[in-house]
Amino acid sequence: MQDRNQEAENSENSNPNTVVMPLPEKSRFGDATNAPHSGPAEPASKKLPTDPNQVILEGFLMKETKGSFLKTFQKRWCVLKYGLLEYFHKKTDKFAAASIPLSSLLGVHVDSTKNTHSLIVTCRDRVYKFVQPDKVTTFKWLQAITEATPQGLQ
């Protein structure tokens, strides 16, 4: 059986604009606001919280929604906690529109094409695509999700 990193790599195409960041073998919890880069995250002295109720990163992202004929993008308030990514229709909503347990994560990567930067979150049952014009924001989310993924989960 393939591990999560191999499954995510096998599902990707060979697009030269795609940056694949494998899930860490060993936890390197660091500051999610470190300067973004395409390589592995550098160890940081500040630790990310492992409390599942504490927010690590939050903000608006544009989520791709596939309609019957064309793709549209909807602004969603996203909240990342240790082991969980949630998004809401509005920042003031009390209940999440969707919750993505990071234990079901097969991979996460950035695809930069046509002046946009897409954060692709691949789970066992679905692929989520969040599009941003800002490269810094996209890589900040990539690093934070990678580091907030619990280790040792199949």
N, C-alpha and C. Protein backbone atom coordinates (compact mmCIF):
# COMPACT_ATOMS: atom_id res chain seq x y z
N MET A 1 0.84 -1.18 0.00
CA MET A 1 0.00 0.00 0.00
C MET A 1 0.89 1.24 0.00
N GLN A 2 0.54 2.22 -0.81
CA GLN A 2 1.34 3.44 -0.88
C GLN A 2 1.05 4.33 0.31
N ASP A 3 2.06 5.12 0.70
CA ASP A 3 1.80 6.08 1.77
C ASP A 3 1.19 7.35 1.18
N ARG A 4 0.84 8.29 2.05
CA ARG A 4 0.14 9.50 1.61
C ARG A 4 0.97 10.32 0.63
N ASN A 5 2.27 10.45 0.86
CA ASN A 5 3.11 11.26 -0.03
C ASN A 5 3.18 10.65 -1.42
N GLN A 6 3.33 9.32 -1.51
CA GLN A 6 3.41 8.67 -2.81
C GLN A 6 2.09 8.79 -3.55
N GLU A 7 0.96 8.64 -2.86
CA GLU A 7 -0.34 8.76 -3.51
C GLU A 7 -0.53 10.17 -4.06
N ALA A 8 -0.13 11.18 -3.29
CA ALA A 8 -0.29 12.56 -3.75
C ALA A 8 0.61 12.83 -4.95
N GLU A 9 1.86 12.32 -4.92
CA GLU A 9 2.77 12.53 -6.03
C GLU A 9 2.26 11.84 -7.28
N ASN A 10 1.74 10.62 -7.15
CA ASN A 10 1.25 9.89 -8.31
C ASN A 10 0.03 10.54 -8.93
N SER A 11 -0.74 11.29 -8.14
CA SER A 11 -1.95 11.91 -8.66
C SER A 11 -1.66 13.24 -9.36
N GLU A 12 -0.43 13.73 -9.28
CA GLU A 12 -0.09 15.02 -9.87
C GLU A 12 0.40 14.84 -11.30
N ASN A 13 0.21 15.87 -12.10
CA ASN A 13 0.78 15.83 -13.43
C ASN A 13 2.18 16.43 -13.36
N SER A 14 2.86 16.50 -14.47
CA SER A 14 4.23 17.00 -14.48
C SER A 14 4.28 18.47 -14.88
N ASN A 15 3.33 19.26 -14.44
CA ASN A 15 3.28 20.69 -14.72
C ASN A 15 4.47 21.38 -14.07
N PRO A 16 5.31 22.11 -14.83
CA PRO A 16 6.47 22.76 -14.24
C PRO A 16 6.10 23.90 -13.30
N ASN A 17 4.86 24.37 -13.32
CA ASN A 17 4.41 25.43 -12.43
C ASN A 17 3.86 24.91 -11.12
N THR A 18 3.92 23.61 -10.93
CA THR A 18 3.39 23.00 -9.72
C THR A 18 4.51 22.79 -8.72
N VAL A 19 4.27 23.23 -7.51
CA VAL A 19 5.22 23.01 -6.42
C VAL A 19 4.57 22.03 -5.47
N VAL A 20 5.18 20.86 -5.31
CA VAL A 20 4.64 19.84 -4.42
C VAL A 20 5.44 19.87 -3.15
N MET A 21 4.75 19.99 -2.03
CA MET A 21 5.40 19.98 -0.74
C MET A 21 4.90 18.76 0.00
N PRO A 22 5.75 17.72 0.17
CA PRO A 22 5.27 16.49 0.80
C PRO A 22 4.92 16.72 2.25
N LEU A 23 4.03 15.86 2.74
CA LEU A 23 3.71 15.91 4.15
C LEU A 23 4.95 15.54 4.94
N PRO A 24 5.20 16.20 6.05
CA PRO A 24 6.44 15.93 6.79
C PRO A 24 6.46 14.53 7.37
N GLU A 25 7.63 13.89 7.31
CA GLU A 25 7.80 12.58 7.91
C GLU A 25 7.82 12.72 9.43
N LYS A 26 8.48 13.75 9.89
CA LYS A 26 8.57 14.02 11.32
C LYS A 26 8.11 15.45 11.52
N SER A 27 7.35 15.70 12.54
CA SER A 27 6.78 17.01 12.77
C SER A 27 7.84 18.09 12.91
N ARG A 28 7.66 19.21 12.18
CA ARG A 28 8.56 20.35 12.27
C ARG A 28 7.73 21.58 12.60
N PHE A 29 6.98 21.54 13.65
CA PHE A 29 6.08 22.63 13.93
C PHE A 29 6.86 23.92 14.04
N GLY A 30 6.47 24.88 13.23
CA GLY A 30 7.12 26.18 13.22
C GLY A 30 6.10 27.27 13.03
N ASP A 31 6.54 28.48 12.94
CA ASP A 31 5.66 29.62 12.79
C ASP A 31 5.06 29.62 11.39
N ALA A 32 3.73 29.60 11.29
CA ALA A 32 3.05 29.55 10.00
C ALA A 32 3.22 30.84 9.21
N THR A 33 3.74 31.89 9.84
CA THR A 33 3.92 33.15 9.14
C THR A 33 5.33 33.32 8.63
N ASN A 34 6.18 32.28 8.68
CA ASN A 34 7.52 32.38 8.12
C ASN A 34 7.42 32.73 6.64
N ALA A 35 8.48 33.32 6.12
CA ALA A 35 8.49 33.68 4.71
C ALA A 35 8.26 32.43 3.87
N PRO A 36 7.37 32.50 2.89
CA PRO A 36 7.06 31.33 2.09
C PRO A 36 8.21 30.98 1.15
N HIS A 37 8.32 29.71 0.84
CA HIS A 37 9.30 29.23 -0.11
C HIS A 37 8.82 27.90 -0.64
N SER A 38 9.47 27.43 -1.71
CA SER A 38 9.00 26.21 -2.34
C SER A 38 9.64 24.95 -1.78
N GLY A 39 10.64 25.09 -0.94
CA GLY A 39 11.32 23.93 -0.37
C GLY A 39 10.71 23.52 0.95
N PRO A 40 11.32 22.54 1.60
CA PRO A 40 10.82 22.10 2.90
C PRO A 40 10.92 23.22 3.92
N ALA A 41 10.02 23.21 4.85
CA ALA A 41 9.99 24.24 5.88
C ALA A 41 11.22 24.11 6.78
N GLU A 42 11.77 25.24 7.15
CA GLU A 42 12.89 25.25 8.07
C GLU A 42 12.37 25.07 9.49
N PRO A 43 13.11 24.36 10.33
CA PRO A 43 12.68 24.24 11.72
C PRO A 43 12.63 25.61 12.35
N ALA A 44 11.65 25.86 13.17
CA ALA A 44 11.50 27.14 13.83
C ALA A 44 11.45 26.94 15.33
N SER A 45 11.81 27.98 16.05
CA SER A 45 11.84 27.86 17.50
C SER A 45 10.43 27.93 18.09
N LYS A 46 9.53 28.64 17.42
CA LYS A 46 8.16 28.76 17.91
C LYS A 46 7.36 27.54 17.47
N LYS A 47 6.64 26.94 18.37
CA LYS A 47 5.88 25.73 18.07
C LYS A 47 4.43 26.07 17.75
N LEU A 48 3.86 25.36 16.77
CA LEU A 48 2.44 25.49 16.48
C LEU A 48 1.67 24.75 17.56
N PRO A 49 0.49 25.22 17.88
CA PRO A 49 -0.30 24.54 18.91
C PRO A 49 -0.77 23.17 18.43
N THR A 50 -0.85 22.23 19.36
CA THR A 50 -1.40 20.91 19.03
C THR A 50 -2.78 20.74 19.65
N ASP A 51 -3.29 21.78 20.28
CA ASP A 51 -4.64 21.77 20.83
C ASP A 51 -5.62 21.86 19.67
N PRO A 52 -6.52 20.89 19.50
CA PRO A 52 -7.42 20.90 18.34
C PRO A 52 -8.41 22.06 18.33
N ASN A 53 -8.54 22.80 19.42
CA ASN A 53 -9.47 23.93 19.46
C ASN A 53 -8.79 25.27 19.22
N GLN A 54 -7.48 25.30 19.20
CA GLN A 54 -6.76 26.56 19.03
C GLN A 54 -6.53 26.84 17.55
N VAL A 55 -6.85 28.06 17.13
CA VAL A 55 -6.72 28.46 15.73
C VAL A 55 -5.25 28.72 15.41
N ILE A 56 -4.77 28.10 14.33
CA ILE A 56 -3.39 28.30 13.87
C ILE A 56 -3.35 29.42 12.83
N LEU A 57 -4.29 29.40 11.89
CA LEU A 57 -4.33 30.38 10.81
C LEU A 57 -5.77 30.52 10.35
N GLU A 58 -6.15 31.75 10.03
CA GLU A 58 -7.50 31.98 9.50
C GLU A 58 -7.47 33.14 8.53
N GLY A 59 -8.41 33.13 7.61
CA GLY A 59 -8.50 34.21 6.63
C GLY A 59 -9.38 33.81 5.46
N PHE A 60 -9.63 34.79 4.58
CA PHE A 60 -10.45 34.53 3.41
C PHE A 60 -9.61 33.90 2.30
N LEU A 61 -10.17 32.86 1.68
CA LEU A 61 -9.60 32.24 0.49
C LEU A 61 -10.72 32.08 -0.53
N MET A 62 -10.37 32.08 -1.81
CA MET A 62 -11.34 31.90 -2.88
C MET A 62 -11.40 30.41 -3.23
N LYS A 63 -12.52 29.76 -2.93
CA LYS A 63 -12.69 28.33 -3.18
C LYS A 63 -13.33 28.11 -4.54
N GLU A 64 -12.76 27.22 -5.31
CA GLU A 64 -13.32 26.90 -6.62
C GLU A 64 -14.55 26.02 -6.45
N THR A 65 -15.60 26.38 -7.15
CA THR A 65 -16.84 25.60 -7.15
C THR A 65 -17.17 25.27 -8.60
N LYS A 66 -17.39 24.01 -8.86
CA LYS A 66 -17.71 23.59 -10.23
C LYS A 66 -19.21 23.55 -10.41
N GLY A 67 -19.68 24.37 -11.32
CA GLY A 67 -21.09 24.36 -11.67
C GLY A 67 -21.33 23.38 -12.79
N SER A 68 -22.51 23.42 -13.38
CA SER A 68 -22.83 22.48 -14.45
C SER A 68 -22.03 22.77 -15.72
N PHE A 69 -21.69 24.05 -15.97
CA PHE A 69 -20.97 24.37 -17.19
C PHE A 69 -19.63 25.06 -16.96
N LEU A 70 -19.50 25.80 -15.89
CA LEU A 70 -18.25 26.52 -15.68
C LEU A 70 -17.85 26.56 -14.21
N LYS A 71 -16.59 26.86 -14.00
CA LYS A 71 -16.06 26.96 -12.65
C LYS A 71 -16.23 28.37 -12.14
N THR A 72 -16.62 28.49 -10.90
CA THR A 72 -16.72 29.80 -10.27
C THR A 72 -15.91 29.77 -8.97
N PHE A 73 -15.67 30.95 -8.43
CA PHE A 73 -14.91 31.05 -7.20
C PHE A 73 -15.74 31.81 -6.17
N GLN A 74 -15.77 31.26 -4.99
CA GLN A 74 -16.54 31.87 -3.91
C GLN A 74 -15.63 32.16 -2.74
N LYS A 75 -15.79 33.35 -2.18
CA LYS A 75 -14.99 33.77 -1.05
C LYS A 75 -15.44 33.00 0.19
N ARG A 76 -14.50 32.34 0.85
CA ARG A 76 -14.82 31.54 2.04
C ARG A 76 -13.87 31.90 3.17
N TRP A 77 -14.40 31.98 4.38
CA TRP A 77 -13.60 32.21 5.58
C TRP A 77 -13.05 30.85 6.00
N CYS A 78 -11.73 30.72 6.01
CA CYS A 78 -11.09 29.45 6.31
C CYS A 78 -10.39 29.52 7.67
N VAL A 79 -10.53 28.45 8.42
CA VAL A 79 -9.93 28.36 9.76
C VAL A 79 -9.15 27.06 9.84
N LEU A 80 -7.86 27.17 10.17
CA LEU A 80 -7.01 26.01 10.31
C LEU A 80 -6.71 25.79 11.79
N LYS A 81 -7.01 24.59 12.25
CA LYS A 81 -6.67 24.16 13.60
C LYS A 81 -5.82 22.92 13.46
N TYR A 82 -5.17 22.51 14.53
CA TYR A 82 -4.35 21.31 14.46
C TYR A 82 -5.24 20.12 14.08
N GLY A 83 -4.96 19.52 12.92
CA GLY A 83 -5.70 18.36 12.47
C GLY A 83 -7.01 18.65 11.75
N LEU A 84 -7.36 19.94 11.52
CA LEU A 84 -8.66 20.24 10.92
C LEU A 84 -8.60 21.56 10.14
N LEU A 85 -9.13 21.54 8.93
CA LEU A 85 -9.32 22.74 8.12
C LEU A 85 -10.82 22.89 7.91
N GLU A 86 -11.35 24.04 8.29
CA GLU A 86 -12.78 24.31 8.12
C GLU A 86 -12.94 25.55 7.25
N TYR A 87 -14.05 25.59 6.49
CA TYR A 87 -14.38 26.84 5.82
C TYR A 87 -15.85 27.16 6.04
N PHE A 88 -16.12 28.47 6.06
CA PHE A 88 -17.43 29.02 6.36
C PHE A 88 -17.86 29.90 5.20
N HIS A 89 -19.17 30.03 5.00
CA HIS A 89 -19.67 30.92 3.95
C HIS A 89 -19.34 32.37 4.27
N LYS A 90 -19.45 32.74 5.56
CA LYS A 90 -19.15 34.09 6.02
C LYS A 90 -18.30 33.99 7.29
N LYS A 91 -17.56 35.04 7.57
CA LYS A 91 -16.72 35.07 8.77
C LYS A 91 -17.56 34.97 10.04
N THR A 92 -18.78 35.45 9.99
CA THR A 92 -19.64 35.48 11.17
C THR A 92 -20.45 34.20 11.38
N ASP A 93 -20.37 33.26 10.44
CA ASP A 93 -21.12 32.00 10.60
C ASP A 93 -20.64 31.24 11.82
N LYS A 94 -21.57 30.60 12.51
CA LYS A 94 -21.23 29.81 13.70
C LYS A 94 -20.89 28.37 13.34
N PHE A 95 -21.40 27.89 12.22
CA PHE A 95 -21.17 26.50 11.82
C PHE A 95 -20.45 26.46 10.47
N ALA A 96 -19.49 25.56 10.36
CA ALA A 96 -18.69 25.43 9.15
C ALA A 96 -19.52 24.86 8.00
N ALA A 97 -19.27 25.36 6.80
CA ALA A 97 -19.90 24.79 5.60
C ALA A 97 -19.28 23.43 5.30
N ALA A 98 -17.99 23.28 5.63
CA ALA A 98 -17.30 21.99 5.47
C ALA A 98 -16.13 21.92 6.43
N SER A 99 -15.88 20.72 6.89
CA SER A 99 -14.73 20.44 7.75
C SER A 99 -13.88 19.38 7.06
N ILE A 100 -12.59 19.66 6.94
CA ILE A 100 -11.67 18.74 6.29
C ILE A 100 -10.71 18.21 7.35
N PRO A 101 -10.90 16.96 7.79
CA PRO A 101 -9.94 16.41 8.75
C PRO A 101 -8.61 16.16 8.04
N LEU A 102 -7.55 16.70 8.59
CA LEU A 102 -6.24 16.56 7.95
C LEU A 102 -5.72 15.14 8.00
N SER A 103 -6.39 14.28 8.77
CA SER A 103 -6.02 12.86 8.77
C SER A 103 -6.40 12.21 7.45
N SER A 104 -7.34 12.81 6.70
CA SER A 104 -7.73 12.27 5.40
C SER A 104 -6.93 12.88 4.26
N LEU A 105 -5.95 13.70 4.60
CA LEU A 105 -5.15 14.41 3.61
C LEU A 105 -4.18 13.46 2.92
N LEU A 106 -4.23 13.46 1.60
CA LEU A 106 -3.27 12.69 0.81
C LEU A 106 -2.11 13.57 0.36
N GLY A 107 -2.37 14.85 0.20
CA GLY A 107 -1.32 15.77 -0.21
C GLY A 107 -1.84 17.19 -0.28
N VAL A 108 -0.91 18.12 -0.30
CA VAL A 108 -1.23 19.53 -0.45
C VAL A 108 -0.09 20.15 -1.27
N HIS A 109 -0.45 20.95 -2.27
CA HIS A 109 0.57 21.59 -3.09
C HIS A 109 0.05 22.89 -3.67
N VAL A 110 0.96 23.64 -4.28
CA VAL A 110 0.61 24.90 -4.92
C VAL A 110 0.82 24.76 -6.41
N ASP A 111 -0.14 25.24 -7.18
CA ASP A 111 -0.04 25.26 -8.64
C ASP A 111 -0.12 26.73 -9.05
N SER A 112 0.96 27.26 -9.60
CA SER A 112 1.01 28.67 -10.00
C SER A 112 0.96 28.77 -11.52
N THR A 113 -0.19 29.19 -12.03
CA THR A 113 -0.37 29.38 -13.47
C THR A 113 -1.26 30.58 -13.70
N LYS A 114 -1.09 31.23 -14.85
CA LYS A 114 -1.95 32.34 -15.27
C LYS A 114 -2.10 33.41 -14.20
N ASN A 115 -1.01 33.79 -13.56
CA ASN A 115 -0.99 34.84 -12.54
C ASN A 115 -1.86 34.56 -11.33
N THR A 116 -2.20 33.31 -11.12
CA THR A 116 -2.91 32.92 -9.90
C THR A 116 -2.13 31.80 -9.23
N HIS A 117 -2.37 31.65 -7.96
CA HIS A 117 -1.68 30.62 -7.19
C HIS A 117 -2.75 29.79 -6.50
N SER A 118 -2.84 28.54 -6.90
CA SER A 118 -3.87 27.65 -6.38
C SER A 118 -3.30 26.75 -5.30
N LEU A 119 -3.98 26.70 -4.19
CA LEU A 119 -3.65 25.76 -3.13
C LEU A 119 -4.54 24.55 -3.34
N ILE A 120 -3.95 23.42 -3.65
CA ILE A 120 -4.69 22.19 -3.94
C ILE A 120 -4.58 21.28 -2.73
N VAL A 121 -5.72 20.97 -2.13
CA VAL A 121 -5.77 20.09 -0.96
C VAL A 121 -6.44 18.80 -1.41
N THR A 122 -5.67 17.71 -1.44
CA THR A 122 -6.16 16.43 -1.92
C THR A 122 -6.46 15.53 -0.73
N CYS A 123 -7.73 15.13 -0.62
CA CYS A 123 -8.17 14.23 0.45
C CYS A 123 -8.55 12.89 -0.17
N ARG A 124 -8.92 11.96 0.68
CA ARG A 124 -9.31 10.63 0.18
C ARG A 124 -10.53 10.68 -0.71
N ASP A 125 -11.48 11.55 -0.37
CA ASP A 125 -12.76 11.56 -1.08
C ASP A 125 -12.97 12.76 -2.00
N ARG A 126 -12.06 13.74 -1.97
CA ARG A 126 -12.31 14.97 -2.72
C ARG A 126 -11.04 15.80 -2.85
N VAL A 127 -11.01 16.66 -3.87
CA VAL A 127 -9.92 17.61 -4.04
C VAL A 127 -10.50 19.01 -3.91
N TYR A 128 -9.90 19.81 -3.04
CA TYR A 128 -10.32 21.20 -2.83
C TYR A 128 -9.30 22.11 -3.48
N LYS A 129 -9.80 23.17 -4.13
CA LYS A 129 -8.91 24.12 -4.80
C LYS A 129 -9.25 25.52 -4.31
N PHE A 130 -8.23 26.16 -3.73
CA PHE A 130 -8.38 27.54 -3.25
C PHE A 130 -7.45 28.41 -4.09
N VAL A 131 -8.00 29.41 -4.80
CA VAL A 131 -7.23 30.23 -5.72
C VAL A 131 -6.99 31.61 -5.11
N GLN A 132 -5.74 32.08 -5.23
CA GLN A 132 -5.36 33.38 -4.72
C GLN A 132 -4.46 34.08 -5.72
N PRO A 133 -4.58 35.41 -5.85
CA PRO A 133 -3.62 36.14 -6.69
C PRO A 133 -2.31 36.38 -5.94
N ASP A 134 -2.33 36.20 -4.62
CA ASP A 134 -1.20 36.51 -3.77
C ASP A 134 -0.39 35.25 -3.45
N LYS A 135 0.84 35.18 -3.93
CA LYS A 135 1.71 34.02 -3.73
C LYS A 135 2.07 33.84 -2.25
N VAL A 136 2.30 34.94 -1.55
CA VAL A 136 2.69 34.88 -0.13
C VAL A 136 1.60 34.20 0.70
N THR A 137 0.36 34.59 0.49
CA THR A 137 -0.76 33.99 1.23
C THR A 137 -0.87 32.50 0.92
N THR A 138 -0.76 32.15 -0.33
CA THR A 138 -0.88 30.75 -0.74
C THR A 138 0.18 29.89 -0.07
N PHE A 139 1.43 30.35 -0.07
CA PHE A 139 2.50 29.57 0.54
C PHE A 139 2.42 29.57 2.06
N LYS A 140 1.87 30.61 2.64
CA LYS A 140 1.67 30.63 4.09
C LYS A 140 0.68 29.55 4.49
N TRP A 141 -0.41 29.41 3.73
CA TRP A 141 -1.40 28.36 3.99
C TRP A 141 -0.80 26.98 3.73
N LEU A 142 -0.02 26.84 2.67
CA LEU A 142 0.62 25.55 2.36
C LEU A 142 1.49 25.10 3.53
N GLN A 143 2.32 25.98 4.03
CA GLN A 143 3.21 25.62 5.13
C GLN A 143 2.41 25.30 6.39
N ALA A 144 1.42 26.11 6.69
CA ALA A 144 0.63 25.90 7.91
C ALA A 144 -0.14 24.57 7.86
N ILE A 145 -0.75 24.25 6.72
CA ILE A 145 -1.48 22.99 6.59
C ILE A 145 -0.52 21.81 6.71
N THR A 146 0.62 21.91 6.06
CA THR A 146 1.61 20.84 6.12
C THR A 146 2.03 20.57 7.57
N GLU A 147 2.25 21.63 8.32
CA GLU A 147 2.73 21.48 9.69
C GLU A 147 1.61 21.16 10.67
N ALA A 148 0.36 21.44 10.33
CA ALA A 148 -0.76 21.16 11.23
C ALA A 148 -1.34 19.76 11.01
N THR A 149 -0.75 19.01 10.09
CA THR A 149 -1.21 17.66 9.81
C THR A 149 -0.66 16.71 10.87
N PRO A 150 -1.53 16.03 11.61
CA PRO A 150 -1.06 15.10 12.63
C PRO A 150 -0.23 13.99 12.00
N GLN A 151 0.78 13.57 12.72
CA GLN A 151 1.67 12.52 12.22
C GLN A 151 1.18 11.15 12.65
N GLY A 152 1.59 10.15 11.90
CA GLY A 152 1.27 8.78 12.26
C GLY A 152 -0.13 8.35 11.88
N LEU A 153 -0.89 9.19 11.16
CA LEU A 153 -2.23 8.79 10.74
C LEU A 153 -2.16 8.21 9.34
N GLN A 154 -2.91 7.17 9.10
CA GLN A 154 -2.90 6.51 7.79
C GLN A 154 -3.88 7.17 6.86
